[in-house]
């Protein structure tokens, strides 16, 4: 994550007001949930800093209580060294932040020892026990931020559940989830749940316009209206490859699909599959004149593909790609995985072309 934001996003103000209303009787566990890429983790850190601040600003109708930004607690927090704060995330997210900060030595050391986990492991949760069993350093609250909660493996989730069942005094858990449907019901029942809103298109574009990226509307559409995902994708080193991938999908012949599989095999597989899922969603929408959500730039191509496909074939490939996404993190061979998926995508259109006596692509 980027360094701590000095202010909330515009679309988070109402949720912040709800949080402040609970300040005198703060729940021991708060679950913030909603779409990925809308600023939930940033909001959670903003809240954590406010809870730990020693001289927060006074609440009013115009300016709800928030961290002062100047006390020793705020300074510690900004340096990620607050003794009463713990942030628990998958090792892969920690590595990504180190890489973004330019700490090359730390990254190389981590890579040399073991591959960072995409899960939150039980040892990470167990490490919180000692943290919660000692007195707070500043005689205030202690805060544990954990995200995304769905990254907890089974053993870690059960260990966290014990802490939520018997909360320590003056301890607040802030949990963040992109997929609340994947969480244990027992964890959900022990948290105060707060939905985080999607920004309006106008709010998202207004924010993206301050980030110095080209074609913000295009990136925002491709990421389903999530502005932080749009920014991440626009600034990604893989942005050109992903755009080439979408362009290749407009010509679903065998040769193109094999070339795409070869080119995309080194990129993050779940992201590539998500791109294809959004593309298929737009084709399906065109089929029934429901409008284009993700790729309005390719309206003509999507309409052509919709006209060349059958509803049954589209439903079949959509379900197939969804099933593949569920196992995309551990393919035996990324290239073969992509070839199989893209050839199946190609066949959805080749089959119809053959039935209409149109030569199938080679």
Protein backbone atom coordinates (compact mmCIF):
# COMPACT_ATOMS: atom_id res chain seq x y z
CA UNK A 1 0.00 0.00 0.00
CA UNK A 2 1.06 3.54 -0.55
CA UNK A 3 2.00 5.69 2.44
CA UNK A 4 -0.84 6.73 4.70
CA UNK A 5 -3.36 9.01 3.03
CA UNK A 6 -3.76 12.38 4.73
CA UNK A 7 -7.49 12.38 4.01
CA UNK A 8 -10.34 10.06 3.17
CA UNK A 9 -11.61 9.51 -0.33
CA UNK A 10 -14.73 11.53 -1.09
CA UNK A 11 -16.94 8.46 -1.34
CA UNK A 12 -15.91 7.31 2.17
CA UNK A 13 -17.11 10.33 4.14
CA UNK A 14 -20.50 8.87 5.08
CA UNK A 15 -18.95 5.62 6.30
CA UNK A 16 -16.46 7.60 8.36
CA UNK A 17 -19.31 9.46 10.03
CA UNK A 18 -20.86 6.10 10.97
CA UNK A 19 -17.55 5.00 12.51
CA UNK A 20 -17.21 8.16 14.58
CA UNK A 21 -20.75 7.74 15.91
CA UNK A 22 -19.57 4.46 17.45
CA UNK A 23 -16.39 5.95 18.91
CA UNK A 24 -17.54 5.92 22.53
CA UNK A 25 -18.61 2.27 22.28
CA UNK A 26 -16.27 0.95 19.61
CA UNK A 27 -16.87 -2.73 18.73
CA UNK A 28 -13.93 -5.03 19.44
CA UNK A 29 -13.98 -6.18 15.79
CA UNK A 30 -15.02 -4.22 12.70
CA UNK A 31 -15.33 -5.84 9.30
CA UNK A 32 -15.04 -3.48 6.31
CA UNK A 33 -16.20 -5.19 3.14
CA UNK A 34 -16.87 -4.30 -0.48
CA UNK A 35 -15.41 -4.41 -3.97
CA UNK A 36 -11.68 -4.60 -4.41
CA UNK A 37 -9.95 -1.39 -5.44
CA UNK A 38 -12.21 1.16 -3.74
CA UNK A 39 -9.87 2.11 -0.88
CA UNK A 40 -10.95 -0.19 1.96
CA UNK A 41 -7.41 -0.86 3.19
CA UNK A 42 -6.59 2.86 3.12
CA UNK A 43 -9.76 3.57 5.09
CA UNK A 44 -8.80 0.87 7.61
CA UNK A 45 -5.36 2.41 8.14
CA UNK A 46 -6.92 5.85 8.49
CA UNK A 47 -9.20 4.42 11.19
CA UNK A 48 -6.34 2.63 12.95
CA UNK A 49 -4.31 5.83 13.07
CA UNK A 50 -7.28 7.72 14.48
CA UNK A 51 -7.84 5.12 17.21
CA UNK A 52 -4.20 5.28 18.27
CA UNK A 53 -3.85 9.07 18.07
CA UNK A 54 -3.28 10.72 21.47
CA UNK A 55 -4.75 14.11 20.52
CA UNK A 56 -7.44 13.49 17.88
CA UNK A 57 -9.34 16.47 16.51
CA UNK A 58 -12.70 17.11 18.11
CA UNK A 59 -15.75 15.74 16.37
CA UNK A 60 -18.19 18.19 14.84
CA UNK A 61 -20.87 18.15 12.20
CA UNK A 62 -18.38 19.42 9.63
CA UNK A 63 -15.19 17.68 10.74
CA UNK A 64 -15.53 14.26 12.40
CA UNK A 65 -12.82 13.07 14.78
CA UNK A 66 -9.59 12.06 13.09
CA UNK A 67 -5.89 11.67 13.83
CA UNK A 68 -4.00 14.89 14.53
CA UNK A 69 -0.99 13.81 12.47
CA UNK A 70 1.50 15.42 14.86
CA UNK A 71 1.65 13.47 18.13
CA UNK A 72 4.25 10.79 18.81
CA UNK A 73 1.66 8.08 18.15
CA UNK A 74 0.88 9.49 14.68
CA UNK A 75 4.58 9.76 13.89
CA UNK A 76 5.16 6.16 14.89
CA UNK A 77 2.17 5.06 12.83
CA UNK A 78 3.39 6.87 9.71
CA UNK A 79 6.70 5.02 10.05
CA UNK A 80 4.94 1.66 10.59
CA UNK A 81 6.66 1.35 13.96
CA UNK A 82 3.82 1.91 16.45
CA UNK A 83 4.28 -0.57 19.34
CA UNK A 84 0.50 -0.94 19.80
CA UNK A 85 -0.30 -1.63 16.16
CA UNK A 86 0.01 -4.79 14.10
CA UNK A 87 -0.80 -5.27 10.43
CA UNK A 88 -1.29 -8.84 9.24
CA UNK A 89 -1.25 -9.57 5.51
CA UNK A 90 -0.09 -12.33 3.16
CA UNK A 91 3.67 -12.37 2.67
CA UNK A 92 3.20 -11.62 -1.02
CA UNK A 93 1.58 -8.26 -0.21
CA UNK A 94 4.42 -7.40 2.14
CA UNK A 95 6.94 -8.15 -0.59
CA UNK A 96 5.03 -6.05 -3.11
CA UNK A 97 5.21 -3.06 -0.75
CA UNK A 98 8.95 -3.53 -0.22
CA UNK A 99 9.47 -3.65 -3.99
CA UNK A 100 7.38 -0.50 -4.45
CA UNK A 101 9.48 1.30 -1.84
CA UNK A 102 12.71 0.34 -3.58
CA UNK A 103 14.13 -1.74 -0.73
CA UNK A 104 15.93 -4.13 -3.05
CA UNK A 105 18.05 -5.81 -0.40
CA UNK A 106 15.04 -6.89 1.63
CA UNK A 107 13.28 -8.24 -1.46
CA UNK A 108 16.24 -10.32 -2.56
CA UNK A 109 16.65 -11.77 0.93
CA UNK A 110 13.00 -12.72 1.09
CA UNK A 111 13.06 -14.34 -2.33
CA UNK A 112 16.21 -16.25 -1.53
CA UNK A 113 14.68 -17.78 1.61
CA UNK A 114 11.23 -18.87 0.36
CA UNK A 115 8.44 -17.89 -1.96
CA UNK A 116 6.11 -15.38 -0.25
CA UNK A 117 2.73 -16.86 0.60
CA UNK A 118 -0.53 -15.67 -0.89
CA UNK A 119 -2.23 -16.78 2.33
CA UNK A 120 -2.24 -15.47 5.89
CA UNK A 121 -0.61 -18.26 7.87
CA UNK A 122 -1.30 -19.54 11.36
CA UNK A 123 2.09 -18.38 12.65
CA UNK A 124 1.16 -14.81 11.75
CA UNK A 125 -2.04 -15.05 13.79
CA UNK A 126 -0.35 -16.83 16.69
CA UNK A 127 2.21 -14.03 16.84
CA UNK A 128 -0.61 -11.72 17.90
CA UNK A 129 -1.03 -13.61 21.20
CA UNK A 130 2.03 -12.13 22.89
CA UNK A 131 1.21 -8.73 21.43
CA UNK A 132 -2.26 -8.76 22.99
CA UNK A 133 -1.19 -10.19 26.34
CA UNK A 134 1.12 -7.33 27.31
CA UNK A 135 0.13 -3.87 28.43
CA UNK A 136 -0.16 -1.18 25.82
CA UNK A 137 2.87 1.09 25.56
CA UNK A 138 0.90 4.34 25.58
CA UNK A 139 -1.89 3.34 27.99
CA UNK A 140 -4.38 3.57 25.14
CA UNK A 141 -5.80 1.11 22.64
CA UNK A 142 -4.06 -1.52 20.60
CA UNK A 143 -5.15 -2.13 17.02
CA UNK A 144 -4.82 -5.16 14.77
CA UNK A 145 -5.45 -4.65 11.04
CA UNK A 146 -5.88 -7.83 9.01
CA UNK A 147 -6.55 -8.05 5.28
CA UNK A 148 -7.80 -9.50 3.14
CA UNK A 149 -9.59 -11.78 5.60
CA UNK A 150 -10.37 -14.35 2.89
CA UNK A 151 -6.61 -14.94 2.58
CA UNK A 152 -6.61 -16.70 5.98
CA UNK A 153 -5.98 -20.41 5.54
CA UNK A 154 -8.14 -22.80 7.57
CA UNK A 155 -5.78 -23.06 10.54
CA UNK A 156 -5.18 -19.30 10.68
CA UNK A 157 -8.92 -18.60 10.51
CA UNK A 158 -9.56 -20.89 13.47
CA UNK A 159 -6.77 -19.25 15.44
CA UNK A 160 -8.21 -15.79 14.73
CA UNK A 161 -11.63 -16.97 15.80
CA UNK A 162 -10.31 -17.70 19.30
CA UNK A 163 -9.07 -14.11 19.62
CA UNK A 164 -12.40 -12.74 18.42
CA UNK A 165 -14.34 -14.94 20.85
CA UNK A 166 -12.33 -13.74 23.86
CA UNK A 167 -11.19 -10.21 22.98
CA UNK A 168 -8.51 -8.58 25.10
CA UNK A 169 -9.41 -5.27 26.79
CA UNK A 170 -8.66 -2.12 24.77
CA UNK A 171 -8.04 -4.14 21.60
CA UNK A 172 -9.76 -3.37 18.31
CA UNK A 173 -9.58 -5.70 15.30
CA UNK A 174 -10.11 -4.09 11.90
CA UNK A 175 -10.75 -6.73 9.25
CA UNK A 176 -10.98 -5.97 5.53
CA UNK A 177 -12.57 -8.25 2.95
CA UNK A 178 -13.11 -8.19 -0.80
CA UNK A 179 -15.25 -11.37 -0.66
CA UNK A 180 -17.39 -11.55 2.46
CA UNK A 181 -19.09 -14.66 1.05
CA UNK A 182 -15.84 -16.59 1.53
CA UNK A 183 -15.57 -15.93 5.28
CA UNK A 184 -16.48 -18.33 8.06
CA UNK A 185 -19.94 -17.59 9.48
CA UNK A 186 -18.40 -17.77 12.96
CA UNK A 187 -16.02 -14.92 12.09
CA UNK A 188 -18.80 -12.86 10.55
CA UNK A 189 -20.98 -13.27 13.63
CA UNK A 190 -18.29 -11.78 15.87
CA UNK A 191 -17.71 -8.63 13.84
CA UNK A 192 -19.59 -5.38 13.39
CA UNK A 193 -19.99 -5.34 9.61
CA UNK A 194 -19.72 -2.11 7.62
CA UNK A 195 -20.22 -2.12 3.83
CA UNK A 196 -17.85 0.18 1.95
CA UNK A 197 -19.49 2.00 -0.96
CA UNK A 198 -18.41 2.10 -4.56
CA UNK A 199 -17.68 5.62 -5.77
CA UNK A 200 -19.89 7.12 -8.43
CA UNK A 201 -18.34 7.29 -11.87
CA UNK A 202 -17.97 11.06 -11.45
CA UNK A 203 -16.19 10.67 -8.08
CA UNK A 204 -13.87 7.99 -9.44
CA UNK A 205 -12.96 9.98 -12.56
CA UNK A 206 -12.41 13.13 -10.51
CA UNK A 207 -9.92 11.28 -8.34
CA UNK A 208 -8.22 9.56 -11.27
CA UNK A 209 -7.82 12.92 -13.01
CA UNK A 210 -5.41 13.90 -10.21
CA UNK A 211 -3.23 10.82 -10.78
CA UNK A 212 -1.68 11.78 -14.14
CA UNK A 213 -2.74 8.73 -16.17
CA UNK A 214 -3.88 8.62 -19.78
CA UNK A 215 -7.42 7.54 -20.69
CA UNK A 216 -8.74 7.30 -17.10
CA UNK A 217 -12.27 6.55 -18.30
CA UNK A 218 -11.03 3.51 -20.24
CA UNK A 219 -9.11 2.09 -17.28
CA UNK A 220 -12.00 2.76 -14.90
CA UNK A 221 -14.43 0.92 -17.16
CA UNK A 222 -12.08 -2.05 -17.52
CA UNK A 223 -11.82 -2.38 -13.75
CA UNK A 224 -15.55 -2.23 -13.16
CA UNK A 225 -15.58 1.26 -11.66
CA UNK A 226 -12.91 0.57 -9.01
CA UNK A 227 -10.58 3.61 -9.15
CA UNK A 228 -7.61 2.16 -7.26
CA UNK A 229 -7.59 -0.92 -9.46
CA UNK A 230 -7.83 1.35 -12.50
CA UNK A 231 -4.80 3.33 -11.32
CA UNK A 232 -2.84 0.18 -10.54
CA UNK A 233 -3.55 -1.30 -13.95
CA UNK A 234 -2.78 1.94 -15.82
CA UNK A 235 0.59 2.18 -14.05
CA UNK A 236 1.39 -1.51 -14.31
CA UNK A 237 4.38 -2.71 -16.30
CA UNK A 238 1.98 -5.20 -17.88
CA UNK A 239 -0.50 -2.58 -19.11
CA UNK A 240 0.58 -2.89 -22.76
CA UNK A 241 0.48 -6.70 -22.64
CA UNK A 242 -3.01 -6.65 -21.17
CA UNK A 243 -4.20 -4.24 -23.85
CA UNK A 244 -2.65 -6.48 -26.54
CA UNK A 245 -4.44 -9.44 -24.97
CA UNK A 246 -7.83 -7.71 -25.23
CA UNK A 247 -7.09 -6.70 -28.81
CA UNK A 248 -6.23 -10.33 -29.60
CA UNK A 249 -9.55 -11.50 -28.21
CA UNK A 250 -11.31 -9.61 -30.99
CA UNK A 251 -9.97 -12.22 -33.46
CA UNK A 252 -10.69 -15.60 -31.85
CA UNK A 253 -8.86 -17.79 -34.36
CA UNK A 254 -6.58 -20.65 -33.35
CA UNK A 255 -3.33 -18.98 -34.43
CA UNK A 256 -4.08 -15.79 -32.49
CA UNK A 257 -5.08 -17.72 -29.37
CA UNK A 258 -1.88 -19.77 -29.38
CA UNK A 259 0.18 -16.60 -29.75
CA UNK A 260 -1.70 -14.98 -26.88
CA UNK A 261 -1.09 -18.00 -24.64
CA UNK A 262 2.63 -17.86 -25.35
CA UNK A 263 2.78 -14.13 -24.69
CA UNK A 264 0.69 -14.11 -21.52
CA UNK A 265 2.15 -17.17 -19.77
CA UNK A 266 4.60 -15.10 -17.69
CA UNK A 267 1.97 -12.67 -16.43
CA UNK A 268 -0.25 -13.10 -13.39
CA UNK A 269 -2.70 -15.78 -14.48
CA UNK A 270 -5.76 -14.83 -12.34
CA UNK A 271 -5.60 -11.29 -13.70
CA UNK A 272 -5.50 -12.52 -17.29
CA UNK A 273 -8.49 -14.77 -16.63
CA UNK A 274 -10.38 -11.90 -15.01
CA UNK A 275 -9.79 -9.89 -18.16
CA UNK A 276 -11.31 -12.67 -20.27
CA UNK A 277 -14.25 -12.95 -17.86
CA UNK A 278 -15.02 -9.25 -18.26
CA UNK A 279 -14.69 -9.56 -22.03
CA UNK A 280 -17.17 -12.45 -22.11
CA UNK A 281 -19.55 -10.51 -19.87
CA UNK A 282 -19.59 -7.69 -22.43
CA UNK A 283 -20.17 -10.09 -25.33
CA UNK A 284 -23.07 -11.64 -23.44
CA UNK A 285 -24.47 -8.19 -22.66
CA UNK A 286 -24.27 -7.22 -26.33
CA UNK A 287 -26.10 -10.42 -27.21
CA UNK A 288 -29.11 -9.14 -25.31
CA UNK A 289 -28.64 -5.40 -25.92
CA UNK A 290 -27.80 -4.75 -22.26
CA UNK A 291 -24.97 -2.33 -22.96
CA UNK A 292 -21.23 -2.61 -22.55
CA UNK A 293 -19.74 -2.31 -19.08
CA UNK A 294 -16.01 -3.00 -19.31
CA UNK A 295 -14.77 -2.42 -22.86
CA UNK A 296 -16.81 0.34 -24.55
CA UNK A 297 -13.73 1.10 -26.64
CA UNK A 298 -14.36 -2.18 -28.50
CA UNK A 299 -18.08 -1.78 -29.06
CA UNK A 300 -18.01 -2.74 -32.76
CA UNK A 301 -15.86 -5.83 -32.13
CA UNK A 302 -18.01 -6.98 -29.21
CA UNK A 303 -21.19 -6.61 -31.22
CA UNK A 304 -19.65 -8.59 -34.08
CA UNK A 305 -18.64 -11.43 -31.74
CA UNK A 306 -22.07 -11.39 -30.07
CA UNK A 307 -23.69 -11.81 -33.49
CA UNK A 308 -21.34 -14.71 -34.32
CA UNK A 309 -21.96 -16.66 -31.12
CA UNK A 310 -24.82 -18.71 -29.74
CA UNK A 311 -26.25 -18.19 -26.28
CA UNK A 312 -25.51 -21.81 -25.33
CA UNK A 313 -21.87 -21.55 -26.40
CA UNK A 314 -21.44 -18.27 -24.51
CA UNK A 315 -22.94 -19.71 -21.34
CA UNK A 316 -20.69 -22.73 -21.64
CA UNK A 317 -17.46 -20.75 -22.06
CA UNK A 318 -18.41 -18.29 -19.31
CA UNK A 319 -18.91 -21.17 -16.87
CA UNK A 320 -15.71 -22.85 -18.01
CA UNK A 321 -13.61 -19.72 -17.50
CA UNK A 322 -15.19 -19.21 -14.08
CA UNK A 323 -14.19 -22.76 -13.12
CA UNK A 324 -10.65 -22.16 -14.37
CA UNK A 325 -10.34 -19.00 -12.28
CA UNK A 326 -10.91 -21.09 -9.15
CA UNK A 327 -7.76 -23.14 -9.86
CA UNK A 328 -5.67 -20.47 -11.59
CA UNK A 329 -3.22 -19.94 -8.73
CA UNK A 330 -1.56 -23.33 -9.10
CA UNK A 331 -1.39 -24.42 -12.77
CA UNK A 332 1.07 -27.15 -13.72
CA UNK A 333 1.89 -25.17 -16.84
CA UNK A 334 0.63 -21.64 -17.35
CA UNK A 335 1.12 -21.86 -21.12
CA UNK A 336 -0.86 -25.10 -21.49
CA UNK A 337 -3.53 -23.74 -19.15
CA UNK A 338 -3.92 -20.62 -21.29
CA UNK A 339 -3.82 -22.55 -24.56
CA UNK A 340 -6.60 -24.85 -23.43
CA UNK A 341 -8.74 -21.97 -22.20
CA UNK A 342 -8.22 -19.75 -25.26
CA UNK A 343 -8.75 -22.57 -27.74
CA UNK A 344 -12.04 -23.29 -26.01
CA UNK A 345 -12.85 -19.58 -26.34
CA UNK A 346 -11.97 -19.76 -30.03
CA UNK A 347 -14.15 -22.83 -30.58
CA UNK A 348 -17.18 -20.93 -29.31
CA UNK A 349 -17.04 -18.90 -32.50
CA UNK A 350 -15.50 -21.44 -34.89
CA UNK A 351 -18.38 -23.85 -34.23
CA UNK A 352 -20.96 -21.30 -35.32
CA UNK A 353 -18.86 -20.20 -38.27
CA UNK A 354 -18.76 -23.79 -39.51
CA UNK A 355 -22.51 -24.19 -39.15
CA UNK A 356 -23.01 -21.15 -41.37
CA UNK A 357 -20.62 -22.48 -44.03
CA UNK A 358 -18.09 -19.82 -43.18
CA UNK A 359 -14.49 -21.07 -43.40
CA UNK A 360 -13.14 -21.66 -39.90
CA UNK A 361 -9.90 -19.82 -39.04
CA UNK A 362 -6.72 -21.86 -39.21
